[in-house]
C-alpha atoms as a PDB file:
ATOM      1  CA  UNK A   1      25.619 -41.189  45.023  1.00  0.00           C
ATOM      2  CA  UNK A   2      27.376 -44.151  46.603  1.00  0.00           C
ATOM      3  CA  UNK A   3      26.316 -47.759  46.175  1.00  0.00           C
ATOM      4  CA  UNK A   4      24.981 -47.795  49.742  1.00  0.00           C
ATOM      5  CA  UNK A   5      22.902 -44.680  49.045  1.00  0.00           C
ATOM      6  CA  UNK A   6      21.560 -46.168  45.808  1.00  0.00           C
ATOM      7  CA  UNK A   7      20.491 -49.328  47.648  1.00  0.00           C
ATOM      8  CA  UNK A   8      18.875 -47.285  50.393  1.00  0.00           C
ATOM      9  CA  UNK A   9      17.002 -45.112  47.894  1.00  0.00           C
ATOM     10  CA  UNK A  10      15.865 -48.246  46.041  1.00  0.00           C
ATOM     11  CA  UNK A  11      14.237 -49.390  49.286  1.00  0.00           C
ATOM     12  CA  UNK A  12      12.321 -46.086  49.471  1.00  0.00           C
ATOM     13  CA  UNK A  13      11.230 -46.508  45.839  1.00  0.00           C
ATOM     14  CA  UNK A  14      10.068 -50.028  46.674  1.00  0.00           C
ATOM     15  CA  UNK A  15       8.015 -48.674  49.585  1.00  0.00           C
ATOM     16  CA  UNK A  16       6.571 -45.909  47.397  1.00  0.00           C
ATOM     17  CA  UNK A  17       5.542 -48.545  44.848  1.00  0.00           C
ATOM     18  CA  UNK A  18       2.822 -49.446  47.346  1.00  0.00           C
ATOM     19  CA  UNK A  19       1.173 -46.115  46.464  1.00  0.00           C
ATOM     20  CA  UNK A  20       1.238 -47.093  42.785  1.00  0.00           C
ATOM     21  CA  UNK A  21      -0.486 -50.353  43.711  1.00  0.00           C
ATOM     22  CA  UNK A  22      -3.080 -48.331  45.630  1.00  0.00           C
ATOM     23  CA  UNK A  23      -3.827 -46.243  42.534  1.00  0.00           C
ATOM     24  CA  UNK A  24      -4.075 -49.404  40.454  1.00  0.00           C
ATOM     25  CA  UNK A  25      -6.461 -50.856  43.023  1.00  0.00           C
ATOM     26  CA  UNK A  26      -8.601 -47.709  42.892  1.00  0.00           C
ATOM     27  CA  UNK A  27      -8.771 -47.863  39.089  1.00  0.00           C
ATOM     28  CA  UNK A  28      -9.941 -51.469  39.299  1.00  0.00           C
ATOM     29  CA  UNK A  29     -12.453 -50.569  42.026  1.00  0.00           C
ATOM     30  CA  UNK A  30     -14.022 -47.736  40.058  1.00  0.00           C
ATOM     31  CA  UNK A  31     -14.552 -50.195  37.223  1.00  0.00           C
ATOM     32  CA  UNK A  32     -16.154 -52.734  39.540  1.00  0.00           C
ATOM     33  CA  UNK A  33     -13.264 -55.192  39.183  1.00  0.00           C
ATOM     34  CA  UNK A  34     -13.226 -56.056  42.870  1.00  0.00           C
ATOM     35  CA  UNK A  35     -11.095 -59.201  42.728  1.00  0.00           C
ATOM     36  CA  UNK A  36      -8.397 -57.315  40.810  1.00  0.00           C
ATOM     37  CA  UNK A  37      -8.613 -54.525  43.368  1.00  0.00           C
ATOM     38  CA  UNK A  38      -7.993 -56.946  46.229  1.00  0.00           C
ATOM     39  CA  UNK A  39      -5.143 -58.572  44.326  1.00  0.00           C
ATOM     40  CA  UNK A  40      -3.489 -55.145  44.021  1.00  0.00           C
ATOM     41  CA  UNK A  41      -4.041 -54.451  47.714  1.00  0.00           C
ATOM     42  CA  UNK A  42      -2.651 -57.881  48.522  1.00  0.00           C
ATOM     43  CA  UNK A  43       0.521 -57.083  46.601  1.00  0.00           C
ATOM     44  CA  UNK A  44       0.709 -53.826  48.575  1.00  0.00           C
ATOM     45  CA  UNK A  45       0.525 -55.892  51.774  1.00  0.00           C
ATOM     46  CA  UNK A  46       3.528 -57.892  50.596  1.00  0.00           C
ATOM     47  CA  UNK A  47       5.445 -54.688  49.906  1.00  0.00           C
ATOM     48  CA  UNK A  48       4.543 -53.425  53.377  1.00  0.00           C
ATOM     49  CA  UNK A  49       5.725 -56.652  54.969  1.00  0.00           C
ATOM     50  CA  UNK A  50       9.047 -56.748  53.128  1.00  0.00           C
ATOM     51  CA  UNK A  51      10.199 -53.126  53.035  1.00  0.00           C
ATOM     52  CA  UNK A  52      10.791 -52.837  56.788  1.00  0.00           C
ATOM     53  CA  UNK A  53      13.308 -55.704  57.004  1.00  0.00           C
ATOM     54  CA  UNK A  54      14.972 -54.382  53.839  1.00  0.00           C
ATOM     55  CA  UNK A  55      15.280 -50.905  55.372  1.00  0.00           C
ATOM     56  CA  UNK A  56      16.874 -52.351  58.509  1.00  0.00           C
ATOM     57  CA  UNK A  57      19.149 -54.627  56.485  1.00  0.00           C
ATOM     58  CA  UNK A  58      20.566 -51.712  54.481  1.00  0.00           C
ATOM     59  CA  UNK A  59      20.485 -49.232  57.400  1.00  0.00           C
ATOM     60  CA  UNK A  60      18.391 -46.863  55.285  1.00  0.00           C
ATOM     61  CA  UNK A  61      17.642 -44.326  58.036  1.00  0.00           C
ATOM     62  CA  UNK A  62      21.357 -43.769  58.626  1.00  0.00           C
ATOM     63  CA  UNK A  63      22.496 -43.891  55.003  1.00  0.00           C
ATOM     64  CA  UNK A  64      19.780 -41.521  53.705  1.00  0.00           C
ATOM     65  CA  UNK A  65      18.689 -39.301  56.610  1.00  0.00           C
ATOM     66  CA  UNK A  66      17.115 -36.809  54.185  1.00  0.00           C
ATOM     67  CA  UNK A  67      14.267 -39.223  53.385  1.00  0.00           C
ATOM     68  CA  UNK A  68      11.826 -40.075  56.156  1.00  0.00           C
ATOM     69  CA  UNK A  69      11.068 -43.752  55.649  1.00  0.00           C
ATOM     70  CA  UNK A  70       8.567 -43.847  58.495  1.00  0.00           C
ATOM     71  CA  UNK A  71       6.626 -40.920  57.051  1.00  0.00           C
ATOM     72  CA  UNK A  72       6.672 -42.528  53.600  1.00  0.00           C
ATOM     73  CA  UNK A  73       5.422 -45.788  55.079  1.00  0.00           C
ATOM     74  CA  UNK A  74       2.517 -43.998  56.795  1.00  0.00           C
ATOM     75  CA  UNK A  75       1.505 -42.277  53.554  1.00  0.00           C
ATOM     76  CA  UNK A  76       1.481 -45.558  51.644  1.00  0.00           C
ATOM     77  CA  UNK A  77      -0.239 -47.423  54.464  1.00  0.00           C
ATOM     78  CA  UNK A  78      -3.007 -44.827  54.630  1.00  0.00           C
ATOM     79  CA  UNK A  79      -3.902 -45.113  50.957  1.00  0.00           C
ATOM     80  CA  UNK A  80      -3.678 -48.931  50.898  1.00  0.00           C
ATOM     81  CA  UNK A  81      -5.170 -49.737  54.312  1.00  0.00           C
ATOM     82  CA  UNK A  82      -7.732 -46.939  54.552  1.00  0.00           C
ATOM     83  CA  UNK A  83      -8.425 -44.712  51.543  1.00  0.00           C
ATOM     84  CA  UNK A  84      -8.940 -47.241  48.747  1.00  0.00           C
ATOM     85  CA  UNK A  85     -10.746 -49.714  51.046  1.00  0.00           C
ATOM     86  CA  UNK A  86     -13.040 -46.902  52.214  1.00  0.00           C
ATOM     87  CA  UNK A  87     -14.099 -46.372  48.615  1.00  0.00           C
ATOM     88  CA  UNK A  88     -14.666 -50.121  48.227  1.00  0.00           C
ATOM     89  CA  UNK A  89     -16.748 -50.261  51.396  1.00  0.00           C
ATOM     90  CA  UNK A  90     -18.863 -47.276  50.336  1.00  0.00           C
ATOM     91  CA  UNK A  91     -19.326 -48.472  46.740  1.00  0.00           C
ATOM     92  CA  UNK A  92     -19.706 -52.179  47.472  1.00  0.00           C
ATOM     93  CA  UNK A  93     -23.486 -52.244  47.686  1.00  0.00           C
ATOM     94  CA  UNK A  94     -23.231 -54.243  50.911  1.00  0.00           C
ATOM     95  CA  UNK A  95     -24.158 -51.287  53.137  1.00  0.00           C
ATOM     96  CA  UNK A  96     -27.569 -49.625  53.402  1.00  0.00           C
ATOM     97  CA  UNK A  97     -27.656 -47.077  50.586  1.00  0.00           C
ATOM     98  CA  UNK A  98     -28.320 -44.155  52.911  1.00  0.00           C
ATOM     99  CA  UNK A  99     -25.295 -45.029  55.061  1.00  0.00           C
ATOM    100  CA  UNK A 100     -22.759 -46.044  52.414  1.00  0.00           C
ATOM    101  CA  UNK A 101     -21.119 -42.661  51.829  1.00  0.00           C
ATOM    102  CA  UNK A 102     -21.354 -41.460  55.470  1.00  0.00           C
ATOM    103  CA  UNK A 103     -19.674 -44.650  56.688  1.00  0.00           C
ATOM    104  CA  UNK A 104     -17.015 -44.319  54.009  1.00  0.00           C
ATOM    105  CA  UNK A 105     -16.279 -40.848  55.360  1.00  0.00           C
ATOM    106  CA  UNK A 106     -16.145 -42.244  58.896  1.00  0.00           C
ATOM    107  CA  UNK A 107     -13.579 -44.807  57.758  1.00  0.00           C
ATOM    108  CA  UNK A 108     -11.207 -42.246  56.216  1.00  0.00           C
ATOM    109  CA  UNK A 109     -11.499 -39.783  59.113  1.00  0.00           C
ATOM    110  CA  UNK A 110     -10.942 -42.350  61.864  1.00  0.00           C
ATOM    111  CA  UNK A 111      -8.195 -44.007  59.823  1.00  0.00           C
ATOM    112  CA  UNK A 112      -6.368 -40.707  59.366  1.00  0.00           C
ATOM    113  CA  UNK A 113      -6.591 -39.998  63.086  1.00  0.00           C
ATOM    114  CA  UNK A 114      -5.266 -43.465  63.901  1.00  0.00           C
ATOM    115  CA  UNK A 115      -2.172 -43.008  61.740  1.00  0.00           C
ATOM    116  CA  UNK A 116      -1.508 -39.713  63.550  1.00  0.00           C
ATOM    117  CA  UNK A 117      -1.626 -41.421  66.974  1.00  0.00           C
ATOM    118  CA  UNK A 118       1.869 -41.523  68.488  1.00  0.00           C
ATOM    119  CA  UNK A 119       0.691 -44.217  70.897  1.00  0.00           C
ATOM    120  CA  UNK A 120      -0.801 -46.581  68.330  1.00  0.00           C
ATOM    121  CA  UNK A 121       1.457 -49.400  69.557  1.00  0.00           C
ATOM    122  CA  UNK A 122       2.227 -50.740  73.002  1.00  0.00           C
ATOM    123  CA  UNK A 123       5.740 -51.413  74.262  1.00  0.00           C
ATOM    124  CA  UNK A 124       5.304 -55.100  73.409  1.00  0.00           C
ATOM    125  CA  UNK A 125       4.228 -54.330  69.828  1.00  0.00           C
ATOM    126  CA  UNK A 126       0.478 -54.809  70.065  1.00  0.00           C
ATOM    127  CA  UNK A 127      -1.719 -52.290  68.313  1.00  0.00           C
ATOM    128  CA  UNK A 128      -3.668 -50.068  70.686  1.00  0.00           C
ATOM    129  CA  UNK A 129      -7.193 -49.779  69.302  1.00  0.00           C
ATOM    130  CA  UNK A 130      -8.461 -51.158  66.010  1.00  0.00           C
ATOM    131  CA  UNK A 131      -5.431 -50.740  63.716  1.00  0.00           C
ATOM    132  CA  UNK A 132      -7.290 -49.294  60.714  1.00  0.00           C
ATOM    133  CA  UNK A 133      -6.880 -52.419  58.589  1.00  0.00           C
ATOM    134  CA  UNK A 134      -9.901 -51.473  56.520  1.00  0.00           C
ATOM    135  CA  UNK A 135      -8.518 -53.418  53.569  1.00  0.00           C
ATOM    136  CA  UNK A 136      -9.219 -56.590  55.561  1.00  0.00           C
ATOM    137  CA  UNK A 137     -12.653 -55.332  56.619  1.00  0.00           C
ATOM    138  CA  UNK A 138     -13.537 -54.685  52.973  1.00  0.00           C
ATOM    139  CA  UNK A 139     -12.233 -58.122  52.010  1.00  0.00           C
ATOM    140  CA  UNK A 140     -14.431 -59.878  54.565  1.00  0.00           C
ATOM    141  CA  UNK A 141     -17.380 -57.731  53.525  1.00  0.00           C
ATOM    142  CA  UNK A 142     -17.087 -58.983  49.948  1.00  0.00           C
ATOM    143  CA  UNK A 143     -16.383 -62.607  50.880  1.00  0.00           C
ATOM    144  CA  UNK A 144     -19.015 -63.042  53.603  1.00  0.00           C
ATOM    145  CA  UNK A 145     -21.709 -60.722  52.173  1.00  0.00           C
ATOM    146  CA  UNK A 146     -23.428 -60.002  55.507  1.00  0.00           C
ATOM    147  CA  UNK A 147     -26.867 -58.350  55.647  1.00  0.00           C
ATOM    148  CA  UNK A 148     -26.528 -54.581  55.014  1.00  0.00           C
ATOM    149  CA  UNK A 149     -27.398 -53.451  58.525  1.00  0.00           C
ATOM    150  CA  UNK A 150     -25.039 -56.014  60.053  1.00  0.00           C
ATOM    151  CA  UNK A 151     -22.270 -54.753  57.771  1.00  0.00           C
ATOM    152  CA  UNK A 152     -23.028 -51.142  58.733  1.00  0.00           C
ATOM    153  CA  UNK A 153     -22.995 -51.992  62.443  1.00  0.00           C
ATOM    154  CA  UNK A 154     -19.655 -53.789  62.057  1.00  0.00           C
ATOM    155  CA  UNK A 155     -18.046 -50.850  60.222  1.00  0.00           C
ATOM    156  CA  UNK A 156     -19.306 -48.370  62.822  1.00  0.00           C
ATOM    157  CA  UNK A 157     -18.196 -50.583  65.720  1.00  0.00           C
ATOM    158  CA  UNK A 158     -14.681 -50.956  64.308  1.00  0.00           C
ATOM    159  CA  UNK A 159     -14.459 -47.197  63.731  1.00  0.00           C
ATOM    160  CA  UNK A 160     -15.332 -46.653  67.409  1.00  0.00           C
ATOM    161  CA  UNK A 161     -12.792 -49.310  68.465  1.00  0.00           C
ATOM    162  CA  UNK A 162     -10.091 -47.201  66.803  1.00  0.00           C
ATOM    163  CA  UNK A 163     -10.196 -45.052  69.954  1.00  0.00           C
ATOM    164  CA  UNK A 164     -10.735 -47.814  72.538  1.00  0.00           C
ATOM    165  CA  UNK A 165      -7.536 -49.049  74.234  1.00  0.00           C
ATOM    166  CA  UNK A 166      -8.061 -52.720  73.404  1.00  0.00           C
ATOM    167  CA  UNK A 167      -5.067 -54.667  72.112  1.00  0.00           C
ATOM    168  CA  UNK A 168      -4.804 -56.109  68.609  1.00  0.00           C
ATOM    169  CA  UNK A 169      -2.017 -58.473  67.565  1.00  0.00           C
ATOM    170  CA  UNK A 170       0.720 -57.447  65.162  1.00  0.00           C
ATOM    171  CA  UNK A 171       1.293 -60.888  63.571  1.00  0.00           C
ATOM    172  CA  UNK A 172       4.981 -60.325  62.820  1.00  0.00           C
ATOM    173  CA  UNK A 173       6.209 -58.289  65.787  1.00  0.00           C
ATOM    174  CA  UNK A 174       4.398 -59.636  68.843  1.00  0.00           C
ATOM    175  CA  UNK A 175       6.751 -62.164  70.460  1.00  0.00           C
ATOM    176  CA  UNK A 176       4.106 -64.265  72.179  1.00  0.00           C
ATOM    177  CA  UNK A 177       3.086 -67.147  69.895  1.00  0.00           C
ATOM    178  CA  UNK A 178       4.956 -65.486  67.031  1.00  0.00           C
ATOM    179  CA  UNK A 179       5.518 -68.733  65.108  1.00  0.00           C
ATOM    180  CA  UNK A 180       1.826 -69.621  65.420  1.00  0.00           C
ATOM    181  CA  UNK A 181       0.840 -66.127  64.304  1.00  0.00           C
ATOM    182  CA  UNK A 182       3.153 -66.212  61.282  1.00  0.00           C
ATOM    183  CA  UNK A 183       1.938 -69.680  60.282  1.00  0.00           C
ATOM    184  CA  UNK A 184      -1.684 -68.553  60.512  1.00  0.00           C
ATOM    185  CA  UNK A 185      -0.908 -65.428  58.493  1.00  0.00           C
ATOM    186  CA  UNK A 186       0.700 -67.582  55.790  1.00  0.00           C
ATOM    187  CA  UNK A 187      -2.358 -69.841  55.756  1.00  0.00           C
ATOM    188  CA  UNK A 188      -4.619 -66.795  55.639  1.00  0.00           C
ATOM    189  CA  UNK A 189      -2.685 -65.393  52.671  1.00  0.00           C
ATOM    190  CA  UNK A 190      -3.038 -68.664  50.772  1.00  0.00           C
ATOM    191  CA  UNK A 191      -6.767 -68.876  51.482  1.00  0.00           C
ATOM    192  CA  UNK A 192      -7.278 -65.218  50.593  1.00  0.00           C
ATOM    193  CA  UNK A 193      -5.503 -65.767  47.290  1.00  0.00           C
ATOM    194  CA  UNK A 194      -7.865 -68.651  46.539  1.00  0.00           C
ATOM    195  CA  UNK A 195     -10.832 -66.429  47.402  1.00  0.00           C
ATOM    196  CA  UNK A 196      -9.589 -63.688  45.068  1.00  0.00           C
ATOM    197  CA  UNK A 197      -8.860 -66.207  42.318  1.00  0.00           C
ATOM    198  CA  UNK A 198     -12.461 -67.413  42.641  1.00  0.00           C
ATOM    199  CA  UNK A 199     -13.773 -63.860  42.218  1.00  0.00           C
ATOM    200  CA  UNK A 200     -14.429 -63.443  45.964  1.00  0.00           C
ATOM    201  CA  UNK A 201     -16.886 -66.360  46.009  1.00  0.00           C
ATOM    202  CA  UNK A 202     -14.866 -69.136  47.682  1.00  0.00           C
ATOM    203  CA  UNK A 203     -16.380 -72.408  48.940  1.00  0.00           C
ATOM    204  CA  UNK A 204     -17.973 -72.174  52.400  1.00  0.00           C
ATOM    205  CA  UNK A 205     -15.079 -74.106  53.954  1.00  0.00           C
ATOM    206  CA  UNK A 206     -12.560 -71.463  52.846  1.00  0.00           C
ATOM    207  CA  UNK A 207     -14.797 -68.610  53.991  1.00  0.00           C
ATOM    208  CA  UNK A 208     -15.171 -70.342  57.369  1.00  0.00           C
ATOM    209  CA  UNK A 209     -11.411 -70.843  57.687  1.00  0.00           C
ATOM    210  CA  UNK A 210     -10.754 -67.181  56.864  1.00  0.00           C
ATOM    211  CA  UNK A 211     -13.319 -66.175  59.509  1.00  0.00           C
ATOM    212  CA  UNK A 212     -11.774 -68.503  62.104  1.00  0.00           C
ATOM    213  CA  UNK A 213      -8.314 -67.008  61.575  1.00  0.00           C
ATOM    214  CA  UNK A 214      -9.712 -63.486  61.953  1.00  0.00           C
ATOM    215  CA  UNK A 215     -11.453 -64.541  65.163  1.00  0.00           C
ATOM    216  CA  UNK A 216      -8.204 -66.026  66.493  1.00  0.00           C
ATOM    217  CA  UNK A 217      -6.308 -62.776  66.006  1.00  0.00           C
ATOM    218  CA  UNK A 218      -9.117 -60.789  67.590  1.00  0.00           C
ATOM    219  CA  UNK A 219      -9.221 -63.016  70.675  1.00  0.00           C
ATOM    220  CA  UNK A 220      -5.407 -63.199  70.910  1.00  0.00           C
ATOM    221  CA  UNK A 221      -5.315 -59.422  71.220  1.00  0.00           C
ATOM    222  CA  UNK A 222      -8.098 -59.246  73.790  1.00  0.00           C
ATOM    223  CA  UNK A 223      -6.301 -61.856  75.928  1.00  0.00           C
ATOM    224  CA  UNK A 224      -2.980 -60.050  75.603  1.00  0.00           C
ATOM    225  CA  UNK A 225      -0.570 -60.212  78.504  1.00  0.00           C
ATOM    226  CA  UNK A 226       2.009 -57.488  78.871  1.00  0.00           C
ATOM    227  CA  UNK A 227       5.558 -58.560  78.094  1.00  0.00           C
ATOM    228  CA  UNK A 228       8.535 -57.315  80.125  1.00  0.00           C
ATOM    229  CA  UNK A 229      10.527 -54.543  78.530  1.00  0.00           C
ATOM    230  CA  UNK A 230      14.064 -55.539  77.490  1.00  0.00           C
ATOM    231  CA  UNK A 231      16.699 -54.695  80.086  1.00  0.00           C
END
């Protein structure tokens, strides 16, 4: 194996490490160590954000055509964005007891269908439909602790929005206001880390700031304007 192939394979191993973080998160979740679970999922988010640029930098698809990096990424994304968070949502105690498991099943089914959608993104890199970021939904559920029926309604509404052609911002790839989006994502990451460090019970000001950033990204997608395709 050449040096280029070794580097390319190392990128795939790095991506696959996200699945290891998902298993670690699930172990923490089954023990009720929710902050540790979210820390593991947060590290998986970092892996997901870094592996793409690394793959392009080392031309992984060309150097190692045998290994499907996109397929690997989808597998890892499903377990970190959907499967483990679905368990957390169902086992959190924040949903009505009679609906906890059914809504967990709804999350994994709709999430699986979303990752199979060939049209999940628009030409200008917005997500089409709710992008199955159930890890973030679970995080807000634990931080905000809404009334059970409000939480259930929110989970069901987002599951339905998976199939509604509304636009949701990809913070790194959407060109419009990209610098603002990246800055807000960095701020969000810092605030989320504080919330996790404080065992998911941050001061009201931090919870409010996290909610405001989520609202911004929601509204930015709904107000999306189509961008011209490159010539």
